[in-house]
Amino acid sequence: MSLSFNIHYQSPTSRARLGTLTTPHGVVETPAFIFCATKAAIKGASAQQMRDAGTQIILSNTYHLMLQPGSETVARLGGLQKMTGWKGPMFTDSGGFQIFSLGHGGVAQEIKGKGQAHRPKTMLKITEEGARFKSYLDGSLHMLTPEKSIQVQRDLGADLIVVLDECTPFHVDKDYTERSMNLSQRWALRSLAEFQAHDNGTQALYGISQGGVYPDLRRDMADFLNNQPFFAHAVGGSLGASKDQMYDVVAMSMEYLCQDRPVHLLGIGGIADIFAGVVHGIDTFDCVHPTRLARHGGALIQPHTWEELQEDPKGREHMNLKASRFRDDPEPIDAKCPCETCQTMSRGYIHHLIKAKELLAITALTIHNVSFMNRLLTAVRNAIKSESLASEKSNWITK
């Protein structure tokens, strides 16, 4: 298959749209959720289980895989799809986000929130050439340049790849943000040149929107991206200190970006975030939340489940199956959910697995949460087509 993006429905009342993202490894119906197989594995589920749960596309991390096992090893093993057994579309990031944030508390707190006002200890120096950093594994020194990032992603073999950019944290001022944006533009051009020098039609390159929370910088970055031959765009960088500000930044970014290319929202994918993003034209989302939540005993649920439990949800989107009240509960997580977990396991059994520290608990909850997100995006696509996004939102969000 060739690489292409086709919009087959555009809402007349918003920027929400339905599309098909065609890759050499399959077609993705958009809007879509991309699950994070950070180190070339979904924590808690196999490739086949991801397929069975309705997954269209997964993401792996350039930074982690360049350090272990090394991109050359992945290439010798046939690339990510062959190595992992996942035959569908794949996305890789550039590695920059992890360099600028790993080892410094929560990565989202630093890049997309207030965080602390210093670089992570693994980040040594940013220069025109690239970013010098220490491996979190063994302390060895590395330099990631725009060219190196593209080379690594070429070895990994993902269908959709990303330029290297500097991820500006929230605490820096506008002058720093602008200088960083200009550096990211120069890195983007170098990434593009490296990509074009070896383009064989099997990968597509995303440019990244930077500019922090500043409308004029987001507009300038969009003008730059729109005038370059990128296949697609991604919205990245600092998105503000609150949900409301994040939604404002996404809206302003999307206002300036050209409308005929697919757009990915980097590292954001909560339930409310998806409903907020699609109305502005976001086509794909990625987030570790569904699988991370599973590893902590959490199951994503819809509002009707809280009603069945006769409990006040207080804005919660998940139930904590570690809680003792589920010890003797014979019901599935959600009787209306068709996933393997809900069809075969009770809340009480999953509670037991968690308390017994059985790995099956993580797998069961991961399968449920993955299925939940895929059902959510199917519902979102159907609601866009029927112009019922606002009413559909109440089926998934309690407030």
Protein backbone atom coordinates (compact mmCIF):
# COMPACT_ATOMS: atom_id res chain seq x y z
CA MET A 1 0.00 0.00 0.00
CA SER A 2 1.12 3.57 -0.66
CA LEU A 3 1.09 6.29 2.00
CA SER A 4 -1.89 8.61 1.80
CA PHE A 5 -4.50 10.45 3.84
CA ASN A 6 -8.04 10.92 2.60
CA ILE A 7 -10.78 12.91 4.31
CA HIS A 8 -14.14 11.34 3.51
CA TYR A 9 -16.37 13.36 5.83
CA GLN A 10 -15.98 16.92 7.12
CA SER A 11 -18.38 18.16 9.78
CA PRO A 12 -20.21 21.33 8.68
CA THR A 13 -20.31 22.60 12.28
CA SER A 14 -16.70 22.06 13.45
CA ARG A 15 -13.30 20.90 12.22
CA ALA A 16 -14.13 17.32 13.21
CA ARG A 17 -13.60 14.91 10.33
CA LEU A 18 -13.40 11.28 9.32
CA GLY A 19 -10.46 10.01 7.34
CA THR A 20 -8.41 7.03 6.26
CA LEU A 21 -4.68 6.97 6.87
CA THR A 22 -3.21 4.42 4.47
CA THR A 23 0.21 2.91 5.25
CA PRO A 24 2.27 0.02 3.87
CA HIS A 25 1.06 -2.11 6.81
CA GLY A 26 -2.63 -1.29 6.69
CA VAL A 27 -5.30 1.38 6.86
CA VAL A 28 -6.21 3.41 9.97
CA GLU A 29 -9.68 4.88 10.29
CA THR A 30 -9.43 8.30 11.92
CA PRO A 31 -9.90 9.72 14.49
CA ALA A 32 -7.86 6.93 16.10
CA PHE A 33 -6.02 6.18 19.31
CA ILE A 34 -2.39 5.01 19.12
CA PHE A 35 -1.29 2.74 21.97
CA CYS A 36 2.23 3.09 23.35
CA ALA A 37 4.49 0.08 22.98
CA THR A 38 7.36 2.15 24.35
CA LYS A 39 10.09 -0.49 24.23
CA ALA A 40 8.52 -2.41 21.33
CA ALA A 41 6.03 -4.13 23.62
CA ILE A 42 2.63 -3.25 25.05
CA LYS A 43 3.04 -3.78 28.77
CA GLY A 44 0.58 -6.53 29.65
CA ALA A 45 -0.64 -7.63 26.21
CA SER A 46 0.62 -9.46 23.14
CA ALA A 47 0.30 -8.25 19.56
CA GLN A 48 -2.51 -10.75 18.98
CA GLN A 49 -4.39 -9.59 22.07
CA MET A 50 -4.09 -5.99 20.84
CA ARG A 51 -5.57 -7.03 17.50
CA ASP A 52 -8.37 -8.95 19.18
CA ALA A 53 -9.21 -5.83 21.21
CA GLY A 54 -9.69 -3.82 18.01
CA THR A 55 -6.40 -1.91 17.88
CA GLN A 56 -5.48 -0.23 14.60
CA ILE A 57 -2.02 1.24 15.25
CA ILE A 58 0.69 1.29 17.94
CA LEU A 59 3.65 3.53 18.77
CA SER A 60 7.20 2.72 19.80
CA ASN A 61 9.83 5.00 21.26
CA THR A 62 12.97 5.98 19.36
CA TYR A 63 14.91 7.04 22.45
CA HIS A 64 14.46 3.76 24.32
CA LEU A 65 15.02 1.53 21.30
CA MET A 66 18.17 3.33 20.14
CA LEU A 67 19.64 2.58 23.57
CA GLN A 68 18.28 -0.97 23.91
CA PRO A 69 18.53 -3.16 21.90
CA GLY A 70 19.82 -0.59 19.37
CA SER A 71 18.19 0.32 16.08
CA GLU A 72 20.65 -1.80 14.09
CA THR A 73 19.53 -4.87 16.02
CA VAL A 74 15.88 -4.06 15.30
CA ALA A 75 16.75 -3.69 11.60
CA ARG A 76 18.56 -7.06 11.57
CA LEU A 77 15.45 -8.63 13.12
CA GLY A 78 13.36 -7.31 10.26
CA GLY A 79 12.11 -4.02 11.68
CA LEU A 80 9.54 -3.38 14.37
CA GLN A 81 6.62 -5.14 12.71
CA LYS A 82 8.46 -8.39 12.10
CA MET A 83 10.31 -8.31 15.41
CA THR A 84 7.19 -7.71 17.49
CA GLY A 85 4.71 -9.74 15.47
CA TRP A 86 2.54 -6.66 15.04
CA LYS A 87 1.73 -6.58 11.32
CA GLY A 88 -0.28 -3.36 11.41
CA PRO A 89 0.65 0.31 11.09
CA MET A 90 3.26 1.73 13.48
CA PHE A 91 4.32 5.21 14.59
CA THR A 92 7.64 6.23 16.16
CA ASP A 93 8.48 9.50 17.87
CA SER A 94 11.82 11.25 17.38
CA GLY A 95 13.35 10.59 20.81
CA GLY A 96 13.54 14.27 21.70
CA PHE A 97 10.75 14.27 24.25
CA GLN A 98 12.42 11.59 26.37
CA ILE A 99 15.83 13.29 26.18
CA PHE A 100 14.42 16.55 27.50
CA SER A 101 12.25 15.03 30.17
CA LEU A 102 13.28 11.52 31.27
CA GLY A 103 14.70 11.25 34.75
CA HIS A 104 12.95 14.41 35.88
CA GLY A 105 9.77 13.41 37.70
CA GLY A 106 6.73 12.90 35.48
CA VAL A 107 7.50 13.75 31.89
CA ALA A 108 4.09 15.32 31.36
CA GLN A 109 4.57 17.56 34.39
CA GLU A 110 7.76 19.00 32.94
CA ILE A 111 6.87 19.39 29.29
CA LYS A 112 3.13 19.97 29.49
CA GLY A 113 2.87 21.39 32.98
CA LYS A 114 4.77 23.54 35.43
CA GLY A 115 7.36 21.01 36.51
CA GLN A 116 10.68 22.04 38.00
CA ALA A 117 12.84 24.80 36.60
CA HIS A 118 15.89 22.82 35.49
CA ARG A 119 16.84 20.29 32.88
CA PRO A 120 16.86 16.61 33.78
CA LYS A 121 20.23 15.29 34.88
CA THR A 122 20.43 12.99 31.86
CA MET A 123 20.24 16.06 29.57
CA LEU A 124 23.75 17.49 29.23
CA LYS A 125 23.71 20.11 26.48
CA ILE A 126 21.64 21.40 23.59
CA THR A 127 23.61 22.77 20.65
CA GLU A 128 22.91 23.57 17.04
CA GLU A 129 24.20 20.11 16.22
CA GLY A 130 21.77 18.26 18.47
CA ALA A 131 21.20 17.09 22.03
CA ARG A 132 23.91 15.46 24.10
CA PHE A 133 22.69 13.20 26.88
CA LYS A 134 23.58 10.31 29.15
CA SER A 135 21.91 6.94 28.81
CA TYR A 136 19.56 6.20 31.70
CA LEU A 137 20.68 2.58 31.41
CA ASP A 138 24.45 2.80 31.88
CA GLY A 139 25.43 6.48 31.85
CA SER A 140 27.09 6.25 28.42
CA LEU A 141 27.24 9.47 26.40
CA HIS A 142 25.16 9.96 23.24
CA MET A 143 24.44 12.71 20.74
CA LEU A 144 21.06 12.73 19.04
CA THR A 145 21.01 14.91 15.94
CA PRO A 146 18.13 15.41 13.50
CA GLU A 147 19.92 13.17 11.03
CA LYS A 148 20.56 10.48 13.64
CA SER A 149 16.93 10.48 14.73
CA ILE A 150 15.75 9.88 11.16
CA GLN A 151 18.39 7.19 10.65
CA VAL A 152 17.27 5.38 13.80
CA GLN A 153 13.61 5.60 12.79
CA ARG A 154 14.53 4.28 9.34
CA ASP A 155 16.13 1.25 11.01
CA LEU A 156 13.07 0.75 13.19
CA GLY A 157 10.89 0.70 10.09
CA ALA A 158 7.74 2.37 11.40
CA ASP A 159 5.28 3.68 8.82
CA LEU A 160 4.93 7.12 10.41
CA ILE A 161 7.98 8.94 11.78
CA VAL A 162 8.68 12.35 13.33
CA VAL A 163 11.26 15.13 13.04
CA LEU A 164 13.55 15.90 15.98
CA ASP A 165 12.55 19.01 17.91
CA GLU A 166 13.43 20.66 21.19
CA CYS A 167 10.58 20.15 23.66
CA THR A 168 10.24 23.38 25.59
CA PRO A 169 8.93 23.03 29.16
CA PHE A 170 6.24 25.25 30.61
CA HIS A 171 8.39 27.39 32.89
CA VAL A 172 10.51 29.10 30.19
CA ASP A 173 9.66 32.59 28.93
CA LYS A 174 8.58 33.67 25.47
CA ASP A 175 12.09 34.64 24.34
CA TYR A 176 13.39 31.16 25.14
CA THR A 177 10.35 29.57 23.53
CA GLU A 178 10.93 31.55 20.33
CA ARG A 179 14.64 30.67 20.19
CA SER A 180 13.75 27.05 20.79
CA MET A 181 11.10 27.17 18.07
CA ASN A 182 13.61 28.58 15.60
CA LEU A 183 16.06 25.82 16.50
CA SER A 184 13.31 23.25 16.00
CA GLN A 185 12.63 24.71 12.56
CA ARG A 186 16.27 24.30 11.57
CA TRP A 187 16.29 20.77 12.97
CA ALA A 188 13.07 20.04 11.06
CA LEU A 189 14.71 21.07 7.78
CA ARG A 190 17.69 18.82 8.53
CA SER A 191 15.35 15.96 9.45
CA LEU A 192 13.47 16.50 6.19
CA ALA A 193 16.68 16.56 4.12
CA GLU A 194 17.88 13.31 5.69
CA PHE A 195 14.48 11.74 5.14
CA GLN A 196 14.29 12.80 1.48
CA ALA A 197 17.83 11.58 0.77
CA HIS A 198 16.77 8.00 1.50
CA ASP A 199 13.00 8.06 0.93
CA ASN A 200 11.83 4.78 -0.59
CA GLY A 201 8.12 5.37 -0.16
CA THR A 202 7.67 3.16 2.90
CA GLN A 203 7.65 5.89 5.55
CA ALA A 204 5.95 9.27 6.01
CA LEU A 205 7.39 12.20 7.95
CA TYR A 206 5.56 14.40 10.46
CA GLY A 207 6.60 17.97 11.24
CA ILE A 208 5.95 19.20 14.78
CA SER A 209 4.13 22.38 15.80
CA GLN A 210 5.99 24.24 18.54
CA GLY A 211 5.57 27.71 20.03
CA GLY A 212 4.41 27.02 23.54
CA VAL A 213 1.31 28.86 24.71
CA TYR A 214 1.92 31.90 22.46
CA PRO A 215 -0.52 32.41 19.55
CA ASP A 216 1.90 34.36 17.35
CA LEU A 217 4.61 31.69 17.74
CA ARG A 218 2.14 28.89 17.00
CA ARG A 219 1.07 30.82 13.88
CA ASP A 220 4.67 31.33 12.76
CA MET A 221 5.44 27.65 13.29
CA ALA A 222 2.34 26.65 11.33
CA ASP A 223 3.37 28.89 8.43
CA PHE A 224 6.77 27.18 8.42
CA LEU A 225 5.28 23.67 8.51
CA ASN A 226 2.62 24.42 5.89
CA ASN A 227 5.33 25.53 3.44
CA GLN A 228 7.39 22.34 3.81
CA PRO A 229 6.53 19.01 2.13
CA PHE A 230 5.70 17.12 5.31
CA PHE A 231 3.17 14.32 4.98
CA ALA A 232 1.55 15.27 8.28
CA HIS A 233 1.83 17.44 11.36
CA ALA A 234 1.96 16.81 15.11
CA VAL A 235 1.05 19.27 17.86
CA GLY A 236 3.74 19.21 20.54
CA GLY A 237 5.68 21.29 23.02
CA SER A 238 4.26 22.99 26.08
CA LEU A 239 0.47 22.99 26.01
CA GLY A 240 -0.02 24.98 29.20
CA ALA A 241 -0.57 24.48 32.90
CA SER A 242 -4.19 23.31 32.90
CA LYS A 243 -6.66 21.32 30.83
CA ASP A 244 -8.46 24.48 29.72
CA GLN A 245 -5.21 26.11 28.59
CA MET A 246 -4.18 22.93 26.80
CA TYR A 247 -7.43 22.90 24.86
CA ASP A 248 -6.90 26.58 23.96
CA VAL A 249 -3.37 25.88 22.70
CA VAL A 250 -4.55 22.91 20.64
CA ALA A 251 -7.34 25.04 19.17
CA MET A 252 -4.99 27.87 18.19
CA SER A 253 -2.46 25.44 16.71
CA MET A 254 -5.12 23.75 14.61
CA GLU A 255 -6.49 27.09 13.43
CA TYR A 256 -3.18 27.84 11.69
CA LEU A 257 -2.16 24.40 10.38
CA CYS A 258 -3.25 23.47 6.86
CA GLN A 259 -6.30 21.23 6.78
CA ASP A 260 -5.35 18.67 4.14
CA ARG A 261 -2.73 16.81 6.19
CA PRO A 262 -3.32 14.43 9.10
CA VAL A 263 -2.58 15.88 12.54
CA HIS A 264 -1.43 13.96 15.62
CA LEU A 265 -1.64 15.25 19.21
CA LEU A 266 1.54 14.07 20.91
CA GLY A 267 1.24 12.36 24.30
CA ILE A 268 -2.36 13.39 24.98
CA GLY A 269 -5.30 10.99 24.99
CA GLY A 270 -7.60 11.20 28.00
CA ILE A 271 -11.30 10.70 27.32
CA ALA A 272 -12.14 14.40 27.64
CA ASP A 273 -9.01 15.29 25.64
CA ILE A 274 -10.22 13.20 22.70
CA PHE A 275 -13.63 14.86 22.57
CA ALA A 276 -11.95 18.27 22.87
CA GLY A 277 -9.36 17.46 20.21
CA VAL A 278 -11.52 15.99 17.46
CA VAL A 279 -13.71 19.10 17.20
CA HIS A 280 -10.57 21.01 16.22
CA GLY A 281 -9.51 18.44 13.62
CA ILE A 282 -7.10 16.20 15.54
CA ASP A 283 -6.90 12.87 13.73
CA THR A 284 -4.79 10.71 16.06
CA PHE A 285 -3.88 10.65 19.74
CA ASP A 286 -1.36 8.70 21.82
CA CYS A 287 -1.09 8.27 25.56
CA VAL A 288 0.29 5.71 28.03
CA HIS A 289 -2.65 6.22 30.38
CA PRO A 290 -4.83 3.20 29.47
CA THR A 291 -2.04 0.65 29.90
CA ARG A 292 -0.37 2.42 32.83
CA LEU A 293 -3.71 2.59 34.63
CA ALA A 294 -4.10 -1.17 34.15
CA ARG A 295 -0.77 -1.80 35.88
CA HIS A 296 -2.10 0.09 38.89
CA GLY A 297 -5.36 -1.84 39.15
CA GLY A 298 -7.56 0.63 37.28
CA ALA A 299 -10.30 -0.20 34.78
CA LEU A 300 -11.69 2.48 32.50
CA ILE A 301 -15.49 2.64 32.73
CA GLN A 302 -18.41 4.59 31.33
CA PRO A 303 -20.88 6.58 33.48
CA HIS A 304 -23.52 3.83 33.31
CA THR A 305 -21.27 1.58 35.39
CA TRP A 306 -21.26 4.07 38.25
CA GLU A 307 -25.05 4.24 38.00
CA GLU A 308 -25.26 0.45 38.27
CA LEU A 309 -23.03 0.60 41.35
CA GLN A 310 -25.26 3.38 42.74
CA GLU A 311 -22.20 5.48 43.42
CA ASP A 312 -21.34 9.12 42.82
CA PRO A 313 -18.53 9.06 40.24
CA LYS A 314 -17.16 12.50 41.23
CA GLY A 315 -15.72 12.92 37.78
CA ARG A 316 -13.80 9.66 37.86
CA GLU A 317 -13.23 7.73 34.64
CA HIS A 318 -12.07 4.45 36.19
CA MET A 319 -12.72 2.04 39.04
CA ASN A 320 -9.90 0.94 41.31
CA LEU A 321 -10.17 -2.83 41.55
CA LYS A 322 -7.64 -2.90 44.38
CA ALA A 323 -10.40 -1.56 46.62
CA SER A 324 -11.71 -4.07 49.16
CA ARG A 325 -15.35 -3.48 48.20
CA PHE A 326 -14.76 -5.51 45.04
CA ARG A 327 -13.51 -8.60 46.91
CA ASP A 328 -16.80 -10.50 46.68
CA ASP A 329 -18.19 -8.77 43.57
CA PRO A 330 -19.32 -11.40 41.03
CA GLU A 331 -20.07 -8.92 38.24
CA PRO A 332 -17.75 -8.13 35.31
CA ILE A 333 -16.06 -4.75 35.14
CA ASP A 334 -18.77 -3.67 32.69
CA ALA A 335 -21.58 -6.00 31.67
CA LYS A 336 -21.98 -4.09 28.40
CA CYS A 337 -18.30 -4.42 27.42
CA PRO A 338 -17.56 -7.16 24.83
CA CYS A 339 -13.87 -7.55 25.71
CA GLU A 340 -12.41 -10.92 26.73
CA THR A 341 -11.89 -9.76 30.31
CA CYS A 342 -15.50 -8.67 30.83
CA GLN A 343 -16.77 -11.83 29.18
CA THR A 344 -14.74 -14.20 31.36
CA MET A 345 -13.71 -12.52 34.65
CA SER A 346 -15.46 -10.96 37.61
CA ARG A 347 -14.39 -7.89 39.56
CA GLY A 348 -13.83 -10.14 42.57
CA TYR A 349 -11.49 -12.43 40.63
CA ILE A 350 -9.48 -9.50 39.26
CA HIS A 351 -9.30 -8.05 42.78
CA HIS A 352 -7.87 -11.39 43.96
CA LEU A 353 -5.31 -11.41 41.12
CA ILE A 354 -4.17 -7.93 42.06
CA LYS A 355 -3.81 -8.78 45.74
CA ALA A 356 -1.99 -12.01 44.87
CA LYS A 357 0.33 -10.02 42.56
CA GLU A 358 -0.52 -12.30 39.66
CA LEU A 359 0.59 -10.97 36.26
CA LEU A 360 -2.74 -12.04 34.83
CA ALA A 361 -4.31 -9.04 36.59
CA ILE A 362 -2.27 -6.65 34.44
CA THR A 363 -3.12 -8.53 31.26
CA ALA A 364 -6.84 -8.64 32.09
CA LEU A 365 -7.03 -4.93 32.86
CA THR A 366 -4.86 -3.99 29.88
CA ILE A 367 -7.14 -5.91 27.50
CA HIS A 368 -10.18 -4.20 28.99
CA ASN A 369 -8.69 -0.69 28.84
CA VAL A 370 -7.45 -1.17 25.28
CA SER A 371 -10.87 -2.40 24.22
CA PHE A 372 -12.47 0.54 26.02
CA MET A 373 -10.37 3.09 24.13
CA ASN A 374 -11.00 1.41 20.79
CA ARG A 375 -14.75 1.36 21.46
CA LEU A 376 -14.55 5.02 22.47
CA LEU A 377 -12.91 6.01 19.18
CA THR A 378 -15.43 3.96 17.21
CA ALA A 379 -18.20 5.84 19.02
CA VAL A 380 -16.46 9.16 18.29
CA ARG A 381 -16.22 8.35 14.58
CA ASN A 382 -19.89 7.38 14.47
CA ALA A 383 -20.84 10.55 16.33
CA ILE A 384 -18.89 12.75 13.91
CA LYS A 385 -20.76 11.19 11.02
CA SER A 386 -24.14 11.68 12.70
CA GLU A 387 -23.27 15.16 14.08
CA SER A 388 -23.92 13.95 17.63
CA LEU A 389 -20.57 14.47 19.36
CA ALA A 390 -22.02 16.57 22.17
CA SER A 391 -24.61 13.98 23.13
CA GLU A 392 -22.18 11.07 22.67
CA LYS A 393 -19.79 12.74 25.11
CA SER A 394 -22.26 12.18 27.96
CA ASN A 395 -22.01 8.43 27.37
CA TRP A 396 -18.31 8.53 28.23
CA ILE A 397 -17.71 11.46 30.57
CA THR A 398 -19.47 12.05 33.85
CA LYS A 399 -19.04 15.82 33.94
